[in-house]
C-alpha atoms as a PDB file:
ATOM      1  CA  MET A   1     -11.921   9.553 -74.937  1.00  0.00           C
ATOM      2  CA  ARG A   2     -13.546  12.281 -72.811  1.00  0.00           C
ATOM      3  CA  GLU A   3     -11.391  11.338 -69.817  1.00  0.00           C
ATOM      4  CA  LYS A   4      -8.247  11.216 -71.952  1.00  0.00           C
ATOM      5  CA  LEU A   5      -8.925  14.721 -73.288  1.00  0.00           C
ATOM      6  CA  LYS A   6      -9.493  16.022 -69.754  1.00  0.00           C
ATOM      7  CA  GLU A   7      -6.213  14.472 -68.626  1.00  0.00           C
ATOM      8  CA  LEU A   8      -4.391  15.934 -71.630  1.00  0.00           C
ATOM      9  CA  LEU A   9      -5.699  19.459 -70.989  1.00  0.00           C
ATOM     10  CA  LEU A  10      -4.982  19.256 -67.253  1.00  0.00           C
ATOM     11  CA  ASN A  11      -1.411  18.135 -67.948  1.00  0.00           C
ATOM     12  CA  TYR A  12      -0.964  21.108 -70.274  1.00  0.00           C
ATOM     13  CA  LYS A  13      -2.485  23.467 -67.705  1.00  0.00           C
ATOM     14  CA  GLU A  14      -0.137  22.160 -65.022  1.00  0.00           C
ATOM     15  CA  GLY A  15       2.889  22.461 -67.306  1.00  0.00           C
ATOM     16  CA  LYS A  16       3.490  18.718 -67.609  1.00  0.00           C
ATOM     17  CA  LEU A  17       3.069  18.871 -71.388  1.00  0.00           C
ATOM     18  CA  SER A  18       4.176  21.495 -73.882  1.00  0.00           C
ATOM     19  CA  LEU A  19       1.834  23.038 -76.451  1.00  0.00           C
ATOM     20  CA  GLU A  20       3.654  21.111 -79.192  1.00  0.00           C
ATOM     21  CA  GLU A  21       3.097  17.817 -77.358  1.00  0.00           C
ATOM     22  CA  VAL A  22      -0.607  18.557 -76.956  1.00  0.00           C
ATOM     23  CA  LEU A  23      -0.951  19.447 -80.631  1.00  0.00           C
ATOM     24  CA  GLU A  24       0.869  16.254 -81.614  1.00  0.00           C
ATOM     25  CA  ARG A  25      -1.613  14.149 -79.628  1.00  0.00           C
ATOM     26  CA  LEU A  26      -4.628  16.036 -80.944  1.00  0.00           C
ATOM     27  CA  LYS A  27      -3.652  15.941 -84.605  1.00  0.00           C
ATOM     28  CA  ILE A  28      -5.543  12.680 -85.243  1.00  0.00           C
ATOM     29  CA  LEU A  29      -8.840  14.340 -84.228  1.00  0.00           C
ATOM     30  CA  PRO A  30     -11.468  14.236 -85.562  1.00  0.00           C
ATOM     31  CA  PHE A  31     -10.228  11.423 -87.842  1.00  0.00           C
ATOM     32  CA  GLU A  32      -7.022   9.874 -89.104  1.00  0.00           C
ATOM     33  CA  ASP A  33      -6.532   9.438 -92.854  1.00  0.00           C
ATOM     34  CA  LEU A  34      -4.815   6.105 -93.534  1.00  0.00           C
ATOM     35  CA  GLY A  35      -5.314   6.145 -97.295  1.00  0.00           C
ATOM     36  CA  ASP A  36      -7.898   3.470 -98.057  1.00  0.00           C
ATOM     37  CA  LEU A  37      -9.610   3.976 -94.696  1.00  0.00           C
ATOM     38  CA  ARG A  38     -10.241   6.778 -92.214  1.00  0.00           C
ATOM     39  CA  ILE A  39     -10.392   6.093 -88.487  1.00  0.00           C
ATOM     40  CA  ASP A  40     -13.009   8.182 -86.669  1.00  0.00           C
ATOM     41  CA  HIS A  41     -11.130   8.867 -83.416  1.00  0.00           C
ATOM     42  CA  HIS A  42     -13.726  11.471 -82.454  1.00  0.00           C
ATOM     43  CA  ARG A  43     -16.546   8.915 -82.261  1.00  0.00           C
ATOM     44  CA  ALA A  44     -16.068   7.961 -78.603  1.00  0.00           C
ATOM     45  CA  LEU A  45     -16.347  11.617 -77.595  1.00  0.00           C
ATOM     46  CA  ARG A  46     -19.270  12.254 -79.935  1.00  0.00           C
ATOM     47  CA  LYS A  47     -21.270   9.051 -79.484  1.00  0.00           C
ATOM     48  CA  GLY A  48     -19.989   7.412 -76.305  1.00  0.00           C
ATOM     49  CA  PHE A  49     -18.257   4.418 -77.894  1.00  0.00           C
ATOM     50  CA  PRO A  50     -15.197   4.134 -80.169  1.00  0.00           C
ATOM     51  CA  GLU A  51     -15.444   3.193 -83.823  1.00  0.00           C
ATOM     52  CA  VAL A  52     -16.098  -0.508 -84.414  1.00  0.00           C
ATOM     53  CA  ILE A  53     -14.353  -2.233 -87.318  1.00  0.00           C
ATOM     54  CA  TYR A  54     -16.647  -4.118 -89.698  1.00  0.00           C
ATOM     55  CA  GLY A  55     -14.505  -6.994 -90.920  1.00  0.00           C
ATOM     56  CA  GLN A  56     -16.587  -8.324 -93.806  1.00  0.00           C
ATOM     57  CA  GLY A  57     -15.416  -7.032 -97.174  1.00  0.00           C
ATOM     58  CA  LYS A  58     -12.088  -5.731 -95.841  1.00  0.00           C
ATOM     59  CA  THR A  59      -8.747  -7.435 -96.334  1.00  0.00           C
ATOM     60  CA  TRP A  60      -6.956  -8.600 -93.209  1.00  0.00           C
ATOM     61  CA  GLU A  61      -4.270  -6.007 -93.928  1.00  0.00           C
ATOM     62  CA  GLN A  62      -6.854  -3.210 -93.891  1.00  0.00           C
ATOM     63  CA  ILE A  63      -8.299  -4.555 -90.649  1.00  0.00           C
ATOM     64  CA  ALA A  64      -4.837  -4.703 -89.076  1.00  0.00           C
ATOM     65  CA  LYS A  65      -4.201  -1.105 -90.137  1.00  0.00           C
ATOM     66  CA  ALA A  66      -7.474  -0.003 -88.546  1.00  0.00           C
ATOM     67  CA  ILE A  67      -6.658  -1.908 -85.338  1.00  0.00           C
ATOM     68  CA  GLU A  68      -3.262  -0.211 -85.121  1.00  0.00           C
ATOM     69  CA  GLY A  69      -4.921   3.190 -85.532  1.00  0.00           C
ATOM     70  CA  ILE A  70      -7.372   2.546 -82.684  1.00  0.00           C
ATOM     71  CA  LEU A  71      -4.709   1.058 -80.399  1.00  0.00           C
ATOM     72  CA  LYS A  72      -2.705   4.302 -80.605  1.00  0.00           C
ATOM     73  CA  THR A  73      -5.533   6.128 -78.846  1.00  0.00           C
ATOM     74  CA  GLY A  74      -5.627   3.666 -75.944  1.00  0.00           C
ATOM     75  CA  GLU A  75      -9.161   2.500 -76.764  1.00  0.00           C
ATOM     76  CA  ASN A  76     -10.364  -1.089 -76.811  1.00  0.00           C
ATOM     77  CA  VAL A  77     -10.824  -2.718 -80.214  1.00  0.00           C
ATOM     78  CA  LEU A  78     -13.916  -4.519 -81.479  1.00  0.00           C
ATOM     79  CA  VAL A  79     -14.035  -6.174 -84.919  1.00  0.00           C
ATOM     80  CA  THR A  80     -17.329  -7.653 -86.155  1.00  0.00           C
ATOM     81  CA  ARG A  81     -18.002 -10.173 -88.950  1.00  0.00           C
ATOM     82  CA  LEU A  82     -14.423 -11.383 -89.048  1.00  0.00           C
ATOM     83  CA  SER A  83     -13.850 -14.679 -90.847  1.00  0.00           C
ATOM     84  CA  PRO A  84     -11.679 -17.363 -89.188  1.00  0.00           C
ATOM     85  CA  HIS A  85      -9.052 -16.998 -91.932  1.00  0.00           C
ATOM     86  CA  LYS A  86      -8.685 -13.255 -91.372  1.00  0.00           C
ATOM     87  CA  ALA A  87      -8.810 -13.757 -87.603  1.00  0.00           C
ATOM     88  CA  GLU A  88      -5.859 -16.140 -87.817  1.00  0.00           C
ATOM     89  CA  LYS A  89      -3.805 -13.465 -89.556  1.00  0.00           C
ATOM     90  CA  ILE A  90      -4.822 -10.781 -87.039  1.00  0.00           C
ATOM     91  CA  LEU A  91      -4.048 -13.033 -84.060  1.00  0.00           C
ATOM     92  CA  SER A  92      -0.552 -13.652 -85.410  1.00  0.00           C
ATOM     93  CA  LEU A  93       0.020  -9.882 -85.137  1.00  0.00           C
ATOM     94  CA  TYR A  94      -1.947  -9.358 -81.916  1.00  0.00           C
ATOM     95  CA  PRO A  95      -1.801 -12.581 -79.867  1.00  0.00           C
ATOM     96  CA  GLN A  96      -3.367 -10.755 -76.905  1.00  0.00           C
ATOM     97  CA  ALA A  97      -6.629 -10.405 -78.830  1.00  0.00           C
ATOM     98  CA  GLU A  98      -9.551 -12.811 -78.335  1.00  0.00           C
ATOM     99  CA  TYR A  99     -11.472 -14.322 -81.237  1.00  0.00           C
ATOM    100  CA  HIS A 100     -15.010 -15.632 -80.756  1.00  0.00           C
ATOM    101  CA  PRO A 101     -15.723 -17.960 -83.707  1.00  0.00           C
ATOM    102  CA  ILE A 102     -19.503 -18.371 -83.280  1.00  0.00           C
ATOM    103  CA  PRO A 103     -20.353 -14.637 -83.656  1.00  0.00           C
ATOM    104  CA  ARG A 104     -17.127 -14.001 -85.631  1.00  0.00           C
ATOM    105  CA  LEU A 105     -16.014 -11.242 -83.262  1.00  0.00           C
ATOM    106  CA  LEU A 106     -12.512 -10.165 -82.326  1.00  0.00           C
ATOM    107  CA  VAL A 107     -11.880  -8.230 -79.114  1.00  0.00           C
ATOM    108  CA  LEU A 108      -8.657  -6.574 -78.017  1.00  0.00           C
ATOM    109  CA  LYS A 109      -8.821  -4.946 -74.596  1.00  0.00           C
ATOM    110  CA  GLN A 110      -6.258  -2.349 -73.560  1.00  0.00           C
ATOM    111  CA  LYS A 111      -8.162  -1.113 -70.520  1.00  0.00           C
ATOM    112  CA  GLU A 112     -10.890  -2.148 -68.141  1.00  0.00           C
ATOM    113  CA  ILE A 113     -14.440  -1.613 -69.373  1.00  0.00           C
ATOM    114  CA  PRO A 114     -16.378   0.598 -66.931  1.00  0.00           C
ATOM    115  CA  LEU A 115     -19.906  -0.477 -66.058  1.00  0.00           C
ATOM    116  CA  LEU A 116     -22.055   2.233 -67.653  1.00  0.00           C
ATOM    117  CA  GLY A 117     -25.430   0.508 -67.799  1.00  0.00           C
ATOM    118  CA  LYS A 118     -28.032   1.186 -65.140  1.00  0.00           C
ATOM    119  CA  GLY A 119     -29.394  -2.358 -65.292  1.00  0.00           C
ATOM    120  CA  GLU A 120     -29.035  -5.672 -67.065  1.00  0.00           C
ATOM    121  CA  ILE A 121     -29.431  -6.274 -70.774  1.00  0.00           C
ATOM    122  CA  LEU A 122     -30.913  -9.727 -71.365  1.00  0.00           C
ATOM    123  CA  VAL A 123     -30.212 -11.395 -74.721  1.00  0.00           C
ATOM    124  CA  ILE A 124     -32.740 -14.071 -75.658  1.00  0.00           C
ATOM    125  CA  SER A 125     -32.587 -16.404 -78.635  1.00  0.00           C
ATOM    126  CA  ALA A 126     -35.415 -18.460 -80.093  1.00  0.00           C
ATOM    127  CA  GLY A 127     -33.157 -21.325 -81.180  1.00  0.00           C
ATOM    128  CA  THR A 128     -29.574 -22.512 -81.020  1.00  0.00           C
ATOM    129  CA  SER A 129     -29.282 -21.687 -84.738  1.00  0.00           C
ATOM    130  CA  ASP A 130     -29.701 -18.018 -83.791  1.00  0.00           C
ATOM    131  CA  LEU A 131     -26.628 -18.072 -81.525  1.00  0.00           C
ATOM    132  CA  PRO A 132     -24.209 -16.325 -83.930  1.00  0.00           C
ATOM    133  CA  VAL A 133     -26.405 -13.209 -83.925  1.00  0.00           C
ATOM    134  CA  ALA A 134     -27.357 -13.503 -80.244  1.00  0.00           C
ATOM    135  CA  GLU A 135     -23.728 -13.804 -79.164  1.00  0.00           C
ATOM    136  CA  GLU A 136     -22.771 -10.866 -81.373  1.00  0.00           C
ATOM    137  CA  ALA A 137     -25.351  -8.811 -79.496  1.00  0.00           C
ATOM    138  CA  ALA A 138     -24.282 -10.094 -76.067  1.00  0.00           C
ATOM    139  CA  LEU A 139     -20.537  -9.618 -76.536  1.00  0.00           C
ATOM    140  CA  CYS A 140     -20.947  -6.178 -78.116  1.00  0.00           C
ATOM    141  CA  ALA A 141     -23.198  -5.089 -75.248  1.00  0.00           C
ATOM    142  CA  GLU A 142     -20.549  -6.236 -72.760  1.00  0.00           C
ATOM    143  CA  MET A 143     -17.862  -4.276 -74.625  1.00  0.00           C
ATOM    144  CA  MET A 144     -20.129  -1.214 -74.349  1.00  0.00           C
ATOM    145  CA  GLY A 145     -20.123  -1.398 -70.567  1.00  0.00           C
ATOM    146  CA  ASN A 146     -23.220  -3.388 -69.713  1.00  0.00           C
ATOM    147  CA  GLN A 147     -24.058  -6.273 -67.457  1.00  0.00           C
ATOM    148  CA  VAL A 148     -25.443  -8.891 -69.852  1.00  0.00           C
ATOM    149  CA  GLY A 149     -27.560 -11.962 -69.219  1.00  0.00           C
ATOM    150  CA  ARG A 150     -28.256 -14.758 -71.685  1.00  0.00           C
ATOM    151  CA  LEU A 151     -31.308 -16.972 -72.203  1.00  0.00           C
ATOM    152  CA  TYR A 152     -31.009 -19.200 -75.250  1.00  0.00           C
ATOM    153  CA  ASP A 153     -33.164 -21.746 -77.094  1.00  0.00           C
ATOM    154  CA  VAL A 154     -36.534 -20.667 -75.674  1.00  0.00           C
ATOM    155  CA  GLY A 155     -38.538 -20.238 -78.893  1.00  0.00           C
ATOM    156  CA  VAL A 156     -42.297 -20.411 -79.311  1.00  0.00           C
ATOM    157  CA  SER A 157     -42.302 -24.056 -80.422  1.00  0.00           C
ATOM    158  CA  GLY A 158     -41.750 -24.822 -76.754  1.00  0.00           C
ATOM    159  CA  VAL A 159     -42.912 -21.632 -75.071  1.00  0.00           C
ATOM    160  CA  HIS A 160     -42.960 -23.280 -71.624  1.00  0.00           C
ATOM    161  CA  ARG A 161     -39.149 -22.992 -71.693  1.00  0.00           C
ATOM    162  CA  LEU A 162     -39.511 -19.210 -71.823  1.00  0.00           C
ATOM    163  CA  LEU A 163     -42.256 -19.014 -69.190  1.00  0.00           C
ATOM    164  CA  HIS A 164     -40.023 -20.916 -66.780  1.00  0.00           C
ATOM    165  CA  HIS A 165     -37.784 -17.792 -66.635  1.00  0.00           C
ATOM    166  CA  LEU A 166     -40.340 -15.029 -66.066  1.00  0.00           C
ATOM    167  CA  GLU A 167     -38.422 -13.579 -63.116  1.00  0.00           C
ATOM    168  CA  LEU A 168     -35.284 -13.290 -65.267  1.00  0.00           C
ATOM    169  CA  LEU A 169     -37.241 -11.538 -68.018  1.00  0.00           C
ATOM    170  CA  ARG A 170     -38.851  -9.036 -65.677  1.00  0.00           C
ATOM    171  CA  ARG A 171     -35.575  -8.218 -63.950  1.00  0.00           C
ATOM    172  CA  ALA A 172     -33.902  -7.004 -67.139  1.00  0.00           C
ATOM    173  CA  ASN A 173     -33.781  -3.312 -67.998  1.00  0.00           C
ATOM    174  CA  VAL A 174     -33.652  -3.908 -71.763  1.00  0.00           C
ATOM    175  CA  LEU A 175     -34.257  -7.140 -73.689  1.00  0.00           C
ATOM    176  CA  ILE A 176     -32.746  -8.128 -77.028  1.00  0.00           C
ATOM    177  CA  VAL A 177     -34.761 -10.927 -78.616  1.00  0.00           C
ATOM    178  CA  VAL A 178     -33.227 -12.802 -81.545  1.00  0.00           C
ATOM    179  CA  ALA A 179     -35.373 -15.070 -83.740  1.00  0.00           C
ATOM    180  CA  GLY A 180     -35.601 -16.483 -87.244  1.00  0.00           C
ATOM    181  CA  MET A 181     -38.352 -18.512 -88.956  1.00  0.00           C
ATOM    182  CA  GLU A 182     -41.588 -16.490 -88.459  1.00  0.00           C
ATOM    183  CA  GLY A 183     -40.008 -14.216 -85.835  1.00  0.00           C
ATOM    184  CA  ALA A 184     -42.762 -14.547 -83.210  1.00  0.00           C
ATOM    185  CA  LEU A 185     -40.667 -14.609 -80.038  1.00  0.00           C
ATOM    186  CA  PRO A 186     -40.191 -10.819 -79.528  1.00  0.00           C
ATOM    187  CA  SER A 187     -43.976 -10.290 -79.443  1.00  0.00           C
ATOM    188  CA  VAL A 188     -44.376 -13.028 -76.829  1.00  0.00           C
ATOM    189  CA  VAL A 189     -41.573 -11.603 -74.668  1.00  0.00           C
ATOM    190  CA  ALA A 190     -42.860  -8.036 -75.030  1.00  0.00           C
ATOM    191  CA  GLY A 191     -46.275  -9.130 -73.825  1.00  0.00           C
ATOM    192  CA  LEU A 192     -44.717 -10.296 -70.565  1.00  0.00           C
ATOM    193  CA  VAL A 193     -42.562  -7.296 -69.601  1.00  0.00           C
ATOM    194  CA  GLU A 194     -42.794  -3.527 -69.139  1.00  0.00           C
ATOM    195  CA  ARG A 195     -39.374  -2.889 -70.668  1.00  0.00           C
ATOM    196  CA  PRO A 196     -38.170  -2.050 -74.179  1.00  0.00           C
ATOM    197  CA  VAL A 197     -37.688  -5.108 -76.388  1.00  0.00           C
ATOM    198  CA  ILE A 198     -35.287  -4.869 -79.322  1.00  0.00           C
ATOM    199  CA  ALA A 199     -36.181  -7.504 -81.909  1.00  0.00           C
ATOM    200  CA  VAL A 200     -33.497  -8.957 -84.155  1.00  0.00           C
ATOM    201  CA  PRO A 201     -34.649 -11.055 -87.126  1.00  0.00           C
ATOM    202  CA  THR A 202     -32.179 -13.680 -88.307  1.00  0.00           C
ATOM    203  CA  SER A 203     -31.725 -15.303 -91.697  1.00  0.00           C
ATOM    204  CA  VAL A 204     -32.454 -18.720 -90.160  1.00  0.00           C
ATOM    205  CA  GLY A 205     -35.372 -20.592 -91.740  1.00  0.00           C
ATOM    206  CA  TYR A 206     -36.693 -22.585 -94.683  1.00  0.00           C
ATOM    207  CA  GLY A 207     -37.703 -21.359 -98.178  1.00  0.00           C
ATOM    208  CA  VAL A 208     -40.413 -18.749 -97.690  1.00  0.00           C
ATOM    209  CA  SER A 209     -38.688 -17.243 -94.677  1.00  0.00           C
ATOM    210  CA  PHE A 210     -36.737 -15.452 -97.466  1.00  0.00           C
ATOM    211  CA  LYS A 211     -33.492 -15.339 -95.466  1.00  0.00           C
ATOM    212  CA  GLY A 212     -35.005 -13.368 -92.603  1.00  0.00           C
ATOM    213  CA  VAL A 213     -37.483 -11.183 -94.460  1.00  0.00           C
ATOM    214  CA  ALA A 214     -40.467 -13.084 -93.039  1.00  0.00           C
ATOM    215  CA  ALA A 215     -39.156 -12.666 -89.492  1.00  0.00           C
ATOM    216  CA  LEU A 216     -38.416  -8.974 -90.135  1.00  0.00           C
ATOM    217  CA  LEU A 217     -41.937  -8.309 -91.396  1.00  0.00           C
ATOM    218  CA  GLY A 218     -43.470 -10.266 -88.527  1.00  0.00           C
ATOM    219  CA  MET A 219     -41.519  -8.232 -85.987  1.00  0.00           C
ATOM    220  CA  LEU A 220     -42.383  -4.949 -87.683  1.00  0.00           C
ATOM    221  CA  THR A 221     -46.079  -5.848 -87.529  1.00  0.00           C
ATOM    222  CA  SER A 222     -45.942  -6.923 -83.876  1.00  0.00           C
ATOM    223  CA  CYS A 223     -49.043  -6.082 -81.858  1.00  0.00           C
ATOM    224  CA  ALA A 224     -46.826  -5.501 -78.783  1.00  0.00           C
ATOM    225  CA  SER A 225     -46.247  -1.763 -78.400  1.00  0.00           C
ATOM    226  CA  ASN A 226     -42.850  -2.024 -76.685  1.00  0.00           C
ATOM    227  CA  VAL A 227     -41.037  -3.682 -79.615  1.00  0.00           C
ATOM    228  CA  ALA A 228     -38.446  -1.938 -81.815  1.00  0.00           C
ATOM    229  CA  VAL A 229     -36.760  -3.752 -84.688  1.00  0.00           C
ATOM    230  CA  VAL A 230     -33.261  -3.690 -86.189  1.00  0.00           C
ATOM    231  CA  ASN A 231     -32.088  -5.133 -89.481  1.00  0.00           C
ATOM    232  CA  ILE A 232     -31.689  -8.826 -90.309  1.00  0.00           C
ATOM    233  CA  ASP A 233     -28.792 -10.462 -88.397  1.00  0.00           C
ATOM    234  CA  ASN A 234     -27.814  -7.102 -86.884  1.00  0.00           C
ATOM    235  CA  GLY A 235     -26.778  -8.143 -83.383  1.00  0.00           C
ATOM    236  CA  PHE A 236     -24.319  -5.258 -83.207  1.00  0.00           C
ATOM    237  CA  GLY A 237     -27.008  -2.657 -83.923  1.00  0.00           C
ATOM    238  CA  ALA A 238     -29.272  -4.169 -81.285  1.00  0.00           C
ATOM    239  CA  ALA A 239     -26.476  -4.027 -78.714  1.00  0.00           C
ATOM    240  CA  TYR A 240     -25.729  -0.391 -79.518  1.00  0.00           C
ATOM    241  CA  VAL A 241     -29.347   0.732 -79.158  1.00  0.00           C
ATOM    242  CA  ALA A 242     -29.808  -1.350 -76.001  1.00  0.00           C
ATOM    243  CA  SER A 243     -26.669   0.216 -74.505  1.00  0.00           C
ATOM    244  CA  LEU A 244     -27.932   3.735 -75.142  1.00  0.00           C
ATOM    245  CA  ILE A 245     -31.294   2.878 -73.546  1.00  0.00           C
ATOM    246  CA  ASN A 246     -29.562   1.222 -70.581  1.00  0.00           C
ATOM    247  CA  ARG A 247     -27.539   4.351 -69.819  1.00  0.00           C
END
């Protein structure tokens, strides 16, 4: 968005665009009112990344309307928590989009994603059951301009699997660690590296895991001082924070 505004102002300065044309292009800032939703077109300029569409709870028609609003600005589109049924409807309108069924993410790229991160973000999952959240984090981090590595199914029940990849862990600039059950993995990883570790509790686990609450509390009470925690199943939030750190 910043580059587009610069280009717009330079074109006006050089006489390539009239004042009326500039005003027409700027009229959707800071947001566009589409009735039942408002697209925050100013977000990329204000926060460094365009608005992301949260698909859960919206109708596919509302999601399509939001996608159309973002496409007009030339930005890439990211939709999280999109059910397969809604994705099918969206793909019929935008066949160029990509749907990732495991994390329930839809991506529509209009332009190349510049590499903005200073290093690699490594996404680690305790188990294969945590993959929906881990892949949400990984794909979102890639959309935000980061080089992303993946290390999956290395939980504490077989910690030797994790220790086999110490070099990979220590090479990363930021680590996102996704775990359910008792949520112990982020503390183990944090004890091995000198980098920030973003812990993501998942709702994976039996009875008294309380759909991720046990993992959340375990991560919040970690004795490792380089651990920060996001909400249960919030792979997107972890990716956003990791991206800001990595810049």
